[in-house]
PDB file of N, CA and C in Angstrom:
ATOM      1  N   PRO A   1      10.781 -33.315  -0.093  1.00  0.00           N
ATOM      2  CA  PRO A   1      10.712 -34.549  -0.008  1.00  0.00           C
ATOM      3  C   PRO A   1      11.244 -35.024   0.586  1.00  0.00           C
ATOM      4  N   PRO A   2      10.675 -36.623   1.402  1.00  0.00           N
ATOM      5  CA  PRO A   2      11.529 -37.415   2.193  1.00  0.00           C
ATOM      6  C   PRO A   2      12.592 -37.962   1.271  1.00  0.00           C
ATOM      7  N   GLN A   3      12.692 -38.260   0.249  1.00  0.00           N
ATOM      8  CA  GLN A   3      13.931 -38.601  -0.539  1.00  0.00           C
ATOM      9  C   GLN A   3      15.178 -37.752  -0.610  1.00  0.00           C
ATOM     10  N   GLN A   4      14.867 -36.356  -0.693  1.00  0.00           N
ATOM     11  CA  GLN A   4      15.481 -35.371  -0.612  1.00  0.00           C
ATOM     12  C   GLN A   4      16.437 -35.563   0.531  1.00  0.00           C
ATOM     13  N   GLU A   5      16.091 -35.813   1.830  1.00  0.00           N
ATOM     14  CA  GLU A   5      16.136 -36.049   3.129  1.00  0.00           C
ATOM     15  C   GLU A   5      17.112 -37.050   3.485  1.00  0.00           C
ATOM     16  N   VAL A   6      16.984 -38.181   2.703  1.00  0.00           N
ATOM     17  CA  VAL A   6      17.269 -39.468   2.524  1.00  0.00           C
ATOM     18  C   VAL A   6      19.060 -39.118   2.034  1.00  0.00           C
ATOM     19  N   ALA A   7      18.689 -38.732   0.474  1.00  0.00           N
ATOM     20  CA  ALA A   7      19.923 -38.364  -0.097  1.00  0.00           C
ATOM     21  C   ALA A   7      20.746 -36.798   0.525  1.00  0.00           C
ATOM     22  N   GLN A   8      19.974 -36.155   0.934  1.00  0.00           N
ATOM     23  CA  GLN A   8      21.207 -35.588   1.962  1.00  0.00           C
ATOM     24  C   GLN A   8      22.242 -36.169   3.084  1.00  0.00           C
ATOM     25  N   TYR A   9      21.500 -36.981   3.715  1.00  0.00           N
ATOM     26  CA  TYR A   9      21.931 -37.411   4.985  1.00  0.00           C
ATOM     27  C   TYR A   9      23.194 -38.792   4.144  1.00  0.00           C
ATOM     28  N   LEU A  10      22.954 -39.025   3.219  1.00  0.00           N
ATOM     29  CA  LEU A  10      23.594 -40.224   2.178  1.00  0.00           C
ATOM     30  C   LEU A  10      24.979 -39.467   2.100  1.00  0.00           C
ATOM     31  N   MET A  11      24.891 -38.110   1.735  1.00  0.00           N
ATOM     32  CA  MET A  11      26.030 -37.669   0.835  1.00  0.00           C
ATOM     33  C   MET A  11      27.034 -36.938   2.153  1.00  0.00           C
ATOM     34  N   ASP A  12      26.106 -36.187   3.431  1.00  0.00           N
ATOM     35  CA  ASP A  12      27.066 -36.148   4.174  1.00  0.00           C
ATOM     36  C   ASP A  12      27.479 -37.032   5.056  1.00  0.00           C
ATOM     37  N   GLU A  13      27.215 -37.998   5.168  1.00  0.00           N
ATOM     38  CA  GLU A  13      27.766 -39.339   5.676  1.00  0.00           C
ATOM     39  C   GLU A  13      28.890 -40.008   5.133  1.00  0.00           C
ATOM     40  N   ASP A  14      29.157 -39.626   3.465  1.00  0.00           N
ATOM     41  CA  ASP A  14      29.681 -40.404   2.674  1.00  0.00           C
ATOM     42  C   ASP A  14      29.869 -41.551   2.206  1.00  0.00           C
ATOM     43  N   TYR A  15      28.056 -41.940   2.376  1.00  0.00           N
ATOM     44  CA  TYR A  15      27.998 -43.091   1.359  1.00  0.00           C
ATOM     45  C   TYR A  15      27.890 -43.410   0.205  1.00  0.00           C
ATOM     46  N   ASP A  16      28.309 -43.971  -0.548  1.00  0.00           N
ATOM     47  CA  ASP A  16      28.384 -44.305  -2.104  1.00  0.00           C
ATOM     48  C   ASP A  16      27.389 -45.099  -2.539  1.00  0.00           C
ATOM     49  N   ILE A  17      26.950 -45.799  -1.743  1.00  0.00           N
ATOM     50  CA  ILE A  17      25.451 -46.735  -2.248  1.00  0.00           C
ATOM     51  C   ILE A  17      24.359 -46.656  -1.598  1.00  0.00           C
ATOM     52  N   LEU A  18      23.477 -46.670  -2.290  1.00  0.00           N
ATOM     53  CA  LEU A  18      21.989 -47.089  -2.014  1.00  0.00           C
ATOM     54  C   LEU A  18      21.265 -48.453  -2.103  1.00  0.00           C
ATOM     55  N   TYR A  19      21.231 -49.458  -1.234  1.00  0.00           N
ATOM     56  CA  TYR A  19      20.365 -50.449  -1.609  1.00  0.00           C
ATOM     57  C   TYR A  19      18.877 -50.451  -1.253  1.00  0.00           C
ATOM     58  N   GLY A  20      17.804 -50.905  -1.599  1.00  0.00           N
ATOM     59  CA  GLY A  20      16.510 -50.993  -1.148  1.00  0.00           C
ATOM     60  C   GLY A  20      15.845 -51.331  -2.376  1.00  0.00           C
ATOM     61  N   PRO A  21      14.539 -50.973  -2.125  1.00  0.00           N
ATOM     62  CA  PRO A  21      13.087 -51.518  -3.177  1.00  0.00           C
ATOM     63  C   PRO A  21      13.175 -50.232  -4.542  1.00  0.00           C
ATOM     64  N   TRP A  22      13.264 -50.941  -5.498  1.00  0.00           N
ATOM     65  CA  TRP A  22      13.599 -49.918  -6.694  1.00  0.00           C
ATOM     66  C   TRP A  22      13.117 -48.794  -6.779  1.00  0.00           C
ATOM     67  N   MET A  23      11.509 -48.697  -6.688  1.00  0.00           N
ATOM     68  CA  MET A  23      11.275 -47.286  -6.578  1.00  0.00           C
ATOM     69  C   MET A  23      11.674 -46.086  -5.812  1.00  0.00           C
ATOM     70  N   PRO A  24      12.189 -46.404  -4.406  1.00  0.00           N
ATOM     71  CA  PRO A  24      12.485 -45.620  -3.528  1.00  0.00           C
ATOM     72  C   PRO A  24      14.206 -45.054  -3.668  1.00  0.00           C
ATOM     73  N   VAL A  25      14.402 -45.949  -3.882  1.00  0.00           N
ATOM     74  CA  VAL A  25      16.238 -46.031  -4.304  1.00  0.00           C
ATOM     75  C   VAL A  25      16.446 -45.018  -5.360  1.00  0.00           C
ATOM     76  N   ALA A  26      15.633 -45.180  -6.202  1.00  0.00           N
ATOM     77  CA  ALA A  26      15.797 -44.343  -7.536  1.00  0.00           C
ATOM     78  C   ALA A  26      15.589 -42.942  -6.977  1.00  0.00           C
ATOM     79  N   GLU A  27      14.531 -42.864  -6.742  1.00  0.00           N
ATOM     80  CA  GLU A  27      14.391 -41.531  -6.164  1.00  0.00           C
ATOM     81  C   GLU A  27      15.211 -41.215  -5.614  1.00  0.00           C
ATOM     82  N   VAL A  28      15.598 -41.522  -4.592  1.00  0.00           N
ATOM     83  CA  VAL A  28      16.882 -40.784  -3.778  1.00  0.00           C
ATOM     84  C   VAL A  28      18.275 -40.919  -4.274  1.00  0.00           C
ATOM     85  N   ALA A  29      18.512 -41.719  -5.211  1.00  0.00           N
ATOM     86  CA  ALA A  29      19.560 -41.255  -5.957  1.00  0.00           C
ATOM     87  C   ALA A  29      19.640 -40.245  -7.251  1.00  0.00           C
ATOM     88  N   VAL A  30      18.446 -39.940  -7.911  1.00  0.00           N
ATOM     89  CA  VAL A  30      18.212 -38.799  -8.619  1.00  0.00           C
ATOM     90  C   VAL A  30      18.542 -37.800  -7.610  1.00  0.00           C
ATOM     91  N   TRP A  31      18.184 -37.244  -6.381  1.00  0.00           N
ATOM     92  CA  TRP A  31      18.626 -36.427  -5.586  1.00  0.00           C
ATOM     93  C   TRP A  31      19.649 -35.953  -5.309  1.00  0.00           C
ATOM     94  N   THR A  32      20.880 -36.997  -5.503  1.00  0.00           N
ATOM     95  CA  THR A  32      22.299 -37.165  -5.060  1.00  0.00           C
ATOM     96  C   THR A  32      22.927 -36.435  -6.696  1.00  0.00           C
ATOM     97  N   ASP A  33      22.325 -36.222  -7.711  1.00  0.00           N
ATOM     98  CA  ASP A  33      23.134 -36.261  -8.724  1.00  0.00           C
ATOM     99  C   ASP A  33      24.370 -36.827  -9.266  1.00  0.00           C
ATOM    100  N   GLY A  34      24.076 -38.387  -8.860  1.00  0.00           N
ATOM    101  CA  GLY A  34      25.209 -38.983  -9.333  1.00  0.00           C
ATOM    102  C   GLY A  34      25.649 -39.414  -8.394  1.00  0.00           C
ATOM    103  N   GLN A  35      26.129 -39.046  -7.014  1.00  0.00           N
ATOM    104  CA  GLN A  35      27.204 -38.746  -6.034  1.00  0.00           C
ATOM    105  C   GLN A  35      26.861 -40.629  -5.365  1.00  0.00           C
ATOM    106  N   VAL A  36      25.467 -40.909  -5.553  1.00  0.00           N
ATOM    107  CA  VAL A  36      25.529 -42.179  -4.861  1.00  0.00           C
ATOM    108  C   VAL A  36      24.365 -43.102  -5.715  1.00  0.00           C
ATOM    109  N   ALA A  37      25.092 -44.298  -5.886  1.00  0.00           N
ATOM    110  CA  ALA A  37      24.656 -45.406  -6.864  1.00  0.00           C
ATOM    111  C   ALA A  37      23.388 -45.779  -6.106  1.00  0.00           C
ATOM    112  N   ALA A  38      22.490 -46.797  -7.108  1.00  0.00           N
ATOM    113  CA  ALA A  38      21.196 -47.279  -6.285  1.00  0.00           C
ATOM    114  C   ALA A  38      21.215 -48.820  -6.930  1.00  0.00           C
ATOM    115  N   GLY A  39      21.279 -49.667  -5.915  1.00  0.00           N
ATOM    116  CA  GLY A  39      21.348 -51.060  -6.221  1.00  0.00           C
ATOM    117  C   GLY A  39      19.989 -51.682  -5.336  1.00  0.00           C
ATOM    118  N   SER A  40      19.272 -52.247  -6.240  1.00  0.00           N
ATOM    119  CA  SER A  40      17.511 -52.204  -6.409  1.00  0.00           C
ATOM    120  C   SER A  40      17.093 -53.331  -6.124  1.00  0.00           C
ATOM    121  N   TRP A  41      15.874 -53.955  -5.370  1.00  0.00           N
ATOM    122  CA  TRP A  41      15.172 -55.018  -5.436  1.00  0.00           C
ATOM    123  C   TRP A  41      13.917 -55.037  -5.586  1.00  0.00           C
ATOM    124  N   TYR A  42      12.921 -55.854  -5.962  1.00  0.00           N
ATOM    125  CA  TYR A  42      11.590 -55.653  -6.578  1.00  0.00           C
ATOM    126  C   TYR A  42      10.613 -56.609  -5.246  1.00  0.00           C
ATOM    127  N   GLN A  43      10.535 -57.506  -5.660  1.00  0.00           N
ATOM    128  CA  GLN A  43       9.644 -58.504  -4.442  1.00  0.00           C
ATOM    129  C   GLN A  43      10.216 -59.123  -3.588  1.00  0.00           C
ATOM    130  N   ASN A  44      11.781 -59.836  -4.037  1.00  0.00           N
ATOM    131  CA  ASN A  44      12.520 -60.673  -3.253  1.00  0.00           C
ATOM    132  C   ASN A  44      13.414 -59.775  -2.551  1.00  0.00           C
ATOM    133  N   ILE A  45      13.368 -59.442  -1.313  1.00  0.00           N
ATOM    134  CA  ILE A  45      14.206 -58.465  -0.721  1.00  0.00           C
ATOM    135  C   ILE A  45      15.732 -59.363  -0.453  1.00  0.00           C
ATOM    136  N   CYS A  46      16.449 -57.919  -1.029  1.00  0.00           N
ATOM    137  CA  CYS A  46      18.114 -57.980  -1.223  1.00  0.00           C
ATOM    138  C   CYS A  46      18.180 -58.933  -2.801  1.00  0.00           C
ATOM    139  N   GLU A  47      17.211 -59.407  -3.788  1.00  0.00           N
ATOM    140  CA  GLU A  47      17.811 -59.898  -4.826  1.00  0.00           C
ATOM    141  C   GLU A  47      17.692 -58.898  -5.512  1.00  0.00           C
ATOM    142  N   VAL A  48      18.937 -58.656  -6.366  1.00  0.00           N
ATOM    143  CA  VAL A  48      19.210 -57.513  -7.222  1.00  0.00           C
ATOM    144  C   VAL A  48      18.254 -57.966  -8.546  1.00  0.00           C
ATOM    145  N   ILE A  49      18.117 -56.439  -9.078  1.00  0.00           N
ATOM    146  CA  ILE A  49      17.216 -56.553 -10.508  1.00  0.00           C
ATOM    147  C   ILE A  49      18.284 -56.190 -11.368  1.00  0.00           C
ATOM    148  N   PRO A  50      18.703 -57.197 -12.019  1.00  0.00           N
ATOM    149  CA  PRO A  50      19.945 -56.878 -12.581  1.00  0.00           C
ATOM    150  C   PRO A  50      19.494 -55.809 -14.183  1.00  0.00           C
ATOM    151  N   TYR A  51      18.696 -55.927 -14.479  1.00  0.00           N
ATOM    152  CA  TYR A  51      18.257 -54.884 -15.982  1.00  0.00           C
ATOM    153  C   TYR A  51      18.085 -53.727 -15.579  1.00  0.00           C
ATOM    154  N   ILE A  52      17.877 -53.450 -14.398  1.00  0.00           N
ATOM    155  CA  ILE A  52      17.781 -52.085 -13.803  1.00  0.00           C
ATOM    156  C   ILE A  52      18.767 -51.298 -12.997  1.00  0.00           C
ATOM    157  N   THR A  53      19.670 -52.457 -12.704  1.00  0.00           N
ATOM    158  CA  THR A  53      20.640 -51.885 -11.342  1.00  0.00           C
ATOM    159  C   THR A  53      22.117 -52.125 -12.159  1.00  0.00           C
ATOM    160  N   PRO A  54      23.051 -51.096 -11.553  1.00  0.00           N
ATOM    161  CA  PRO A  54      24.429 -51.442 -12.084  1.00  0.00           C
ATOM    162  C   PRO A  54      24.880 -52.993 -11.590  1.00  0.00           C
ATOM    163  N   THR A  55      25.692 -53.737 -12.450  1.00  0.00           N
ATOM    164  CA  THR A  55      25.870 -55.118 -11.682  1.00  0.00           C
ATOM    165  C   THR A  55      26.899 -55.262 -11.062  1.00  0.00           C
ATOM    166  N   ASP A  56      27.917 -54.036 -10.711  1.00  0.00           N
ATOM    167  CA  ASP A  56      29.254 -53.744 -10.302  1.00  0.00           C
ATOM    168  C   ASP A  56      29.485 -53.077  -8.897  1.00  0.00           C
ATOM    169  N   ILE A  57      28.201 -52.969  -8.101  1.00  0.00           N
ATOM    170  CA  ILE A  57      28.353 -52.635  -6.738  1.00  0.00           C
ATOM    171  C   ILE A  57      27.719 -53.422  -5.644  1.00  0.00           C
ATOM    172  N   PHE A  58      28.097 -54.324  -5.782  1.00  0.00           N
ATOM    173  CA  PHE A  58      27.493 -55.657  -4.992  1.00  0.00           C
ATOM    174  C   PHE A  58      28.853 -56.508  -4.235  1.00  0.00           C
ATOM    175  N   SER A  59      29.508 -55.657  -4.071  1.00  0.00           N
ATOM    176  CA  SER A  59      31.052 -56.507  -3.496  1.00  0.00           C
ATOM    177  C   SER A  59      31.132 -56.272  -2.212  1.00  0.00           C
ATOM    178  N   GLU A  60      32.067 -57.028  -1.284  1.00  0.00           N
ATOM    179  CA  GLU A  60      32.081 -56.882   0.016  1.00  0.00           C
ATOM    180  C   GLU A  60      32.242 -55.314   0.283  1.00  0.00           C
ATOM    181  N   ALA A  61      33.344 -55.081  -0.730  1.00  0.00           N
ATOM    182  CA  ALA A  61      33.938 -53.834  -0.425  1.00  0.00           C
ATOM    183  C   ALA A  61      32.706 -52.605  -0.677  1.00  0.00           C
ATOM    184  N   ASP A  62      32.071 -52.778  -1.478  1.00  0.00           N
ATOM    185  CA  ASP A  62      31.057 -51.908  -1.473  1.00  0.00           C
ATOM    186  C   ASP A  62      30.093 -52.181  -0.809  1.00  0.00           C
ATOM    187  N   ASN A  63      30.027 -53.032  -0.097  1.00  0.00           N
ATOM    188  CA  ASN A  63      28.895 -53.009   1.025  1.00  0.00           C
ATOM    189  C   ASN A  63      29.392 -52.070   2.202  1.00  0.00           C
ATOM    190  N   ALA A  64      30.649 -51.983   2.321  1.00  0.00           N
ATOM    191  CA  ALA A  64      31.407 -51.378   3.453  1.00  0.00           C
ATOM    192  C   ALA A  64      30.692 -49.763   3.024  1.00  0.00           C
ATOM    193  N   ARG A  65      30.597 -49.164   1.868  1.00  0.00           N
ATOM    194  CA  ARG A  65      30.203 -48.116   1.342  1.00  0.00           C
ATOM    195  C   ARG A  65      28.681 -47.695   1.333  1.00  0.00           C
ATOM    196  N   ALA A  66      27.965 -48.553   1.722  1.00  0.00           N
ATOM    197  CA  ALA A  66      26.430 -49.079   1.123  1.00  0.00           C
ATOM    198  C   ALA A  66      25.607 -48.633   2.502  1.00  0.00           C
ATOM    199  N   CYS A  67      24.449 -48.286   2.374  1.00  0.00           N
ATOM    200  CA  CYS A  67      23.476 -48.523   3.274  1.00  0.00           C
ATOM    201  C   CYS A  67      21.978 -48.707   2.736  1.00  0.00           C
ATOM    202  N   TYR A  68      21.602 -49.741   3.641  1.00  0.00           N
ATOM    203  CA  TYR A  68      19.748 -50.056   2.966  1.00  0.00           C
ATOM    204  C   TYR A  68      18.762 -49.339   3.237  1.00  0.00           C
ATOM    205  N   LEU A  69      17.799 -49.315   2.548  1.00  0.00           N
ATOM    206  CA  LEU A  69      16.871 -48.662   2.808  1.00  0.00           C
ATOM    207  C   LEU A  69      15.786 -49.595   3.276  1.00  0.00           C
ATOM    208  N   THR A  70      14.787 -48.997   4.553  1.00  0.00           N
ATOM    209  CA  THR A  70      13.540 -49.385   4.127  1.00  0.00           C
ATOM    210  C   THR A  70      12.400 -48.371   4.271  1.00  0.00           C
ATOM    211  N   THR A  71      11.283 -48.491   3.443  1.00  0.00           N
ATOM    212  CA  THR A  71      10.527 -47.211   3.721  1.00  0.00           C
ATOM    213  C   THR A  71       9.480 -47.654   4.652  1.00  0.00           C
ATOM    214  N   ASN A  72       8.852 -48.498   5.193  1.00  0.00           N
ATOM    215  CA  ASN A  72       8.065 -49.368   6.208  1.00  0.00           C
ATOM    216  C   ASN A  72       7.925 -50.298   6.705  1.00  0.00           C
ATOM    217  N   ALA A  73       7.602 -50.718   8.101  1.00  0.00           N
ATOM    218  CA  ALA A  73       8.062 -51.714   9.130  1.00  0.00           C
ATOM    219  C   ALA A  73       7.923 -53.137   8.374  1.00  0.00           C
ATOM    220  N   GLY A  74       6.953 -52.733   7.411  1.00  0.00           N
ATOM    221  CA  GLY A  74       7.127 -54.405   6.540  1.00  0.00           C
ATOM    222  C   GLY A  74       8.462 -54.830   5.928  1.00  0.00           C
ATOM    223  N   GLU A  75       8.992 -54.114   5.518  1.00  0.00           N
ATOM    224  CA  GLU A  75      10.315 -54.298   4.598  1.00  0.00           C
ATOM    225  C   GLU A  75      11.092 -54.038   5.994  1.00  0.00           C
ATOM    226  N   GLU A  76      11.012 -53.456   7.215  1.00  0.00           N
ATOM    227  CA  GLU A  76      12.488 -53.250   7.862  1.00  0.00           C
ATOM    228  C   GLU A  76      12.560 -54.802   8.310  1.00  0.00           C
ATOM    229  N   GLU A  77      11.306 -55.248   8.732  1.00  0.00           N
ATOM    230  CA  GLU A  77      10.818 -56.838   9.417  1.00  0.00           C
ATOM    231  C   GLU A  77      11.450 -57.572   8.229  1.00  0.00           C
ATOM    232  N   ALA A  78      11.371 -57.460   7.220  1.00  0.00           N
ATOM    233  CA  ALA A  78      11.911 -58.708   6.091  1.00  0.00           C
ATOM    234  C   ALA A  78      13.600 -58.168   5.896  1.00  0.00           C
ATOM    235  N   LEU A  79      14.012 -56.824   5.979  1.00  0.00           N
ATOM    236  CA  LEU A  79      15.603 -56.797   5.969  1.00  0.00           C
ATOM    237  C   LEU A  79      16.105 -57.491   7.216  1.00  0.00           C
ATOM    238  N   LEU A  80      15.459 -56.986   8.405  1.00  0.00           N
ATOM    239  CA  LEU A  80      16.304 -57.596   9.705  1.00  0.00           C
ATOM    240  C   LEU A  80      16.396 -59.095   9.693  1.00  0.00           C
ATOM    241  N   THR A  81      14.861 -59.986   9.053  1.00  0.00           N
ATOM    242  CA  THR A  81      14.920 -61.330   9.099  1.00  0.00           C
ATOM    243  C   THR A  81      16.110 -61.717   8.252  1.00  0.00           C
ATOM    244  N   TYR A  82      16.111 -61.333   7.204  1.00  0.00           N
ATOM    245  CA  TYR A  82      16.859 -61.763   5.948  1.00  0.00           C
ATOM    246  C   TYR A  82      18.395 -61.561   6.595  1.00  0.00           C
ATOM    247  N   ALA A  83      18.832 -60.726   7.074  1.00  0.00           N
ATOM    248  CA  ALA A  83      20.159 -60.254   7.282  1.00  0.00           C
ATOM    249  C   ALA A  83      20.991 -61.279   8.724  1.00  0.00           C
ATOM    250  N   ALA A  84      19.753 -61.507   9.780  1.00  0.00           N
ATOM    251  CA  ALA A  84      19.894 -62.215  10.543  1.00  0.00           C
ATOM    252  C   ALA A  84      19.872 -63.898  10.084  1.00  0.00           C
ATOM    253  N   ASP A  85      18.945 -64.290   8.917  1.00  0.00           N
ATOM    254  CA  ASP A  85      19.330 -65.668   8.429  1.00  0.00           C
ATOM    255  C   ASP A  85      20.404 -66.042   7.474  1.00  0.00           C
ATOM    256  N   SER A  86      20.849 -64.871   7.317  1.00  0.00           N
ATOM    257  CA  SER A  86      22.166 -64.762   6.422  1.00  0.00           C
ATOM    258  C   SER A  86      23.323 -64.411   6.917  1.00  0.00           C
ATOM    259  N   GLY A  87      23.401 -64.558   8.386  1.00  0.00           N
ATOM    260  CA  GLY A  87      24.567 -64.354   9.343  1.00  0.00           C
ATOM    261  C   GLY A  87      25.487 -63.131   9.420  1.00  0.00           C
ATOM    262  N   GLY A  88      24.373 -61.571   8.826  1.00  0.00           N
ATOM    263  CA  GLY A  88      25.120 -60.739   8.823  1.00  0.00           C
ATOM    264  C   GLY A  88      24.291 -59.997  10.473  1.00  0.00           C
ATOM    265  N   SER A  89      25.351 -59.094  10.655  1.00  0.00           N
ATOM    266  CA  SER A  89      24.780 -58.137  11.783  1.00  0.00           C
ATOM    267  C   SER A  89      24.658 -57.050  11.530  1.00  0.00           C
ATOM    268  N   ILE A  90      23.327 -56.187  11.397  1.00  0.00           N
ATOM    269  CA  ILE A  90      22.650 -55.094  10.929  1.00  0.00           C
ATOM    270  C   ILE A  90      22.376 -54.320  12.219  1.00  0.00           C
ATOM    271  N   THR A  91      22.556 -52.938  11.441  1.00  0.00           N
ATOM    272  CA  THR A  91      22.522 -51.791  12.534  1.00  0.00           C
ATOM    273  C   THR A  91      22.066 -50.718  11.712  1.00  0.00           C
ATOM    274  N   LEU A  92      20.835 -49.873  12.651  1.00  0.00           N
ATOM    275  CA  LEU A  92      20.242 -48.944  12.071  1.00  0.00           C
ATOM    276  C   LEU A  92      21.082 -47.470  12.401  1.00  0.00           C
ATOM    277  N   VAL A  93      20.774 -46.968  11.428  1.00  0.00           N
ATOM    278  CA  VAL A  93      22.053 -45.826  11.277  1.00  0.00           C
ATOM    279  C   VAL A  93      21.328 -44.495  11.153  1.00  0.00           C
ATOM    280  N   LYS A  94      20.010 -44.482  10.578  1.00  0.00           N
ATOM    281  CA  LYS A  94      19.174 -43.413  10.641  1.00  0.00           C
ATOM    282  C   LYS A  94      17.558 -43.620  10.330  1.00  0.00           C
ATOM    283  N   ARG A  95      16.830 -43.229  11.554  1.00  0.00           N
ATOM    284  CA  ARG A  95      15.380 -43.611  11.330  1.00  0.00           C
ATOM    285  C   ARG A  95      14.793 -42.154  10.857  1.00  0.00           C
ATOM    286  N   PHE A  96      14.096 -41.892   9.852  1.00  0.00           N
ATOM    287  CA  PHE A  96      13.309 -40.625   9.216  1.00  0.00           C
ATOM    288  C   PHE A  96      11.781 -40.733   9.725  1.00  0.00           C
ATOM    289  N   GLU A  97      11.577 -40.169  11.276  1.00  0.00           N
ATOM    290  CA  GLU A  97      10.626 -40.570  11.758  1.00  0.00           C
ATOM    291  C   GLU A  97       8.965 -40.040  11.311  1.00  0.00           C
ATOM    292  N   GLU A  98       9.290 -38.911  10.510  1.00  0.00           N
ATOM    293  CA  GLU A  98       7.935 -38.529   9.640  1.00  0.00           C
ATOM    294  C   GLU A  98       7.423 -39.538   8.407  1.00  0.00           C
ATOM    295  N   THR A  99       8.518 -40.159   7.853  1.00  0.00           N
ATOM    296  CA  THR A  99       8.038 -41.119   6.553  1.00  0.00           C
ATOM    297  C   THR A  99       8.354 -42.390   7.141  1.00  0.00           C
ATOM    298  N   GLY A 100       8.708 -42.990   8.024  1.00  0.00           N
ATOM    299  CA  GLY A 100       9.167 -44.056   8.237  1.00  0.00           C
ATOM    300  C   GLY A 100      10.247 -44.620   7.590  1.00  0.00           C
ATOM    301  N   PHE A 101      11.279 -43.890   6.752  1.00  0.00           N
ATOM    302  CA  PHE A 101      12.187 -44.675   6.055  1.00  0.00           C
ATOM    303  C   PHE A 101      13.146 -44.535   7.370  1.00  0.00           C
ATOM    304  N   ALA A 102      14.004 -45.768   6.922  1.00  0.00           N
ATOM    305  CA  ALA A 102      15.259 -46.090   7.908  1.00  0.00           C
ATOM    306  C   ALA A 102      16.057 -46.340   7.083  1.00  0.00           C
ATOM    307  N   LEU A 103      17.518 -46.243   7.402  1.00  0.00           N
ATOM    308  CA  LEU A 103      18.925 -46.610   6.889  1.00  0.00           C
ATOM    309  C   LEU A 103      19.633 -47.541   8.154  1.00  0.00           C
ATOM    310  N   TYR A 104      19.979 -48.432   7.275  1.00  0.00           N
ATOM    311  CA  TYR A 104      20.723 -49.876   7.900  1.00  0.00           C
ATOM    312  C   TYR A 104      22.014 -49.925   7.308  1.00  0.00           C
ATOM    313  N   VAL A 105      23.291 -50.326   8.157  1.00  0.00           N
ATOM    314  CA  VAL A 105      24.537 -50.519   7.211  1.00  0.00           C
ATOM    315  C   VAL A 105      24.752 -52.267   7.858  1.00  0.00           C
ATOM    316  N   CYS A 106      25.229 -53.148   7.431  1.00  0.00           N
ATOM    317  CA  CYS A 106      25.445 -54.379   7.768  1.00  0.00           C
ATOM    318  C   CYS A 106      27.145 -54.697   7.399  1.00  0.00           C
ATOM    319  N   ASP A 107      27.547 -56.008   8.192  1.00  0.00           N
ATOM    320  CA  ASP A 107      28.874 -56.248   8.088  1.00  0.00           C
ATOM    321  C   ASP A 107      28.844 -56.968   7.005  1.00  0.00           C
ATOM    322  N   LYS A 108      27.564 -57.620   6.606  1.00  0.00           N
ATOM    323  CA  LYS A 108      27.901 -58.689   5.478  1.00  0.00           C
ATOM    324  C   LYS A 108      26.960 -58.154   4.210  1.00  0.00           C
ATOM    325  N   GLN A 109      27.432 -58.732   2.924  1.00  0.00           N
ATOM    326  CA  GLN A 109      26.675 -58.192   1.906  1.00  0.00           C
ATOM    327  C   GLN A 109      25.381 -59.090   1.996  1.00  0.00           C
ATOM    328  N   LEU A 110      24.476 -58.401   1.618  1.00  0.00           N
ATOM    329  CA  LEU A 110      23.050 -58.937   1.636  1.00  0.00           C
ATOM    330  C   LEU A 110      22.540 -59.345   0.097  1.00  0.00           C
ATOM    331  N   MET A 111      23.135 -58.325  -0.802  1.00  0.00           N
ATOM    332  CA  MET A 111      22.519 -57.975  -1.983  1.00  0.00           C
ATOM    333  C   MET A 111      22.709 -59.627  -2.810  1.00  0.00           C
ATOM    334  N   HIS A 112      22.029 -59.959  -3.681  1.00  0.00           N
ATOM    335  CA  HIS A 112      22.717 -61.182  -4.490  1.00  0.00           C
ATOM    336  C   HIS A 112      21.568 -61.399  -5.826  1.00  0.00           C
ATOM    337  N   PHE A 113      22.308 -61.775  -6.442  1.00  0.00           N
ATOM    338  CA  PHE A 113      21.548 -62.250  -8.003  1.00  0.00           C
ATOM    339  C   PHE A 113      20.608 -63.107  -8.135  1.00  0.00           C
ATOM    340  N   PRO A 114      19.699 -63.276  -8.548  1.00  0.00           N
ATOM    341  CA  PRO A 114      18.187 -64.510  -8.836  1.00  0.00           C
ATOM    342  C   PRO A 114      19.362 -65.292  -9.348  1.00  0.00           C
ATOM    343  N   GLN A 115      18.876 -66.513  -8.987  1.00  0.00           N
ATOM    344  CA  GLN A 115      19.303 -68.209  -9.017  1.00  0.00           C
ATOM    345  C   GLN A 115      18.822 -68.282 -10.395  1.00  0.00           C
ATOM    346  N   SER A 116      19.512 -68.862 -11.805  1.00  0.00           N
ATOM    347  CA  SER A 116      18.982 -69.145 -13.053  1.00  0.00           C
ATOM    348  C   SER A 116      18.466 -70.741 -13.002  1.00  0.00           C
TER     349      SER A 116
END
C-alpha cells in the first residue's frame, strides 16, 4: 500500500514526525509501528486536531524532524500557499508518482492550534 511506502521512506530517512491530513497520516504512522508520530489536521490546513493528536510534537525543534504529507494536488497547493503566507520556505523531499502523495519539509513550524 502507498502508506507503507511513505512509512518506509520516513523511517529510512530518520524522520520522527509526519504532519498532514488526519486519515492518511494515521495510516502511515501505523506502518511505522510507533517510530513516527502523526500530527494531523482535518479541514483547515495545518490546524492541529487536539483531541486525536499528541499535543507535544509541534515545536520548532519537532518541525526539524518532521515532514508534511499531501495526498493530492489540491492539498499540495494549499500547503504551499499556507507556507508562503506564513513566511516559511518549503521544500519537496519526495514525490510518490503512482499515488500523488508528496512529502515536504519546511524551515518554519506551520502546524498551529485552533484559535479559541
